Amino acid sequence: MRKLTLLFFLILISITSSLVAQDHSIAREWNEELLNGIRNDFARPTVHARNLWHSSIAIYDIWAIYNEVAEPFLCGQEVAGFTSSFVGIPESATPEEDMHEAMSYAMYRLMINRFNGAPGAGLIFSSINNKIAEHGYPINNNSRNYQTGDPAALGNHIADQIIAFGFQDNSQQSVGYRN
């Protein structure tokens, strides 16, 4: 009986550890980084709701750009009086890898912009620097020339568009979200 109980617990531990060790999508990884940023910033629910919305736009638009059927929400569109520039990218030979890289750069740049004045900025920036390095991407790739098919440049461009979109939305971000 003891052997059977021990065997049961070993199997249970094995199953549990394999579930915990599952790979997560790049969107999930960066969402976790964003939540870490929120935890290390001031308690500002409306500001962070906006951060969550804008990050979802970045992730969705990049997915849509690499998808043959979907249409981006912001890139190349007019939304709430804001016209986002985007002229398309060449077809990718490695769309999954390119999407992964573009999402990483877009989220990295957006978080640098949004958490610059956070009380835990050092912790946030250390974490996102580690995240982007973990995937082998240099943090100093500042290219915006996405028309060449460079996924890092696409991510940087999309972050720029979302940041510009945010500056015109009456959130008062440029003055610390002052009322």
Foldseek 3Di string as FASTA:
>chain_A
DVVVVVVVVVVVVVVVVVVVPDDDALLVVLVVLLVVLCVQFPPDVVLSVLVVVLLVLLLVCLVQLLDPPRHRPAAQDADPNAGHHDDHEPHDPDSRVLSSLLSLLLSLLLSCLSRVPGNVSVVSNVVSCCVCVVVPHDPPPQALPCRHVRSNNNSNSSSVRSVVVVVPPPQVVVPVSDD
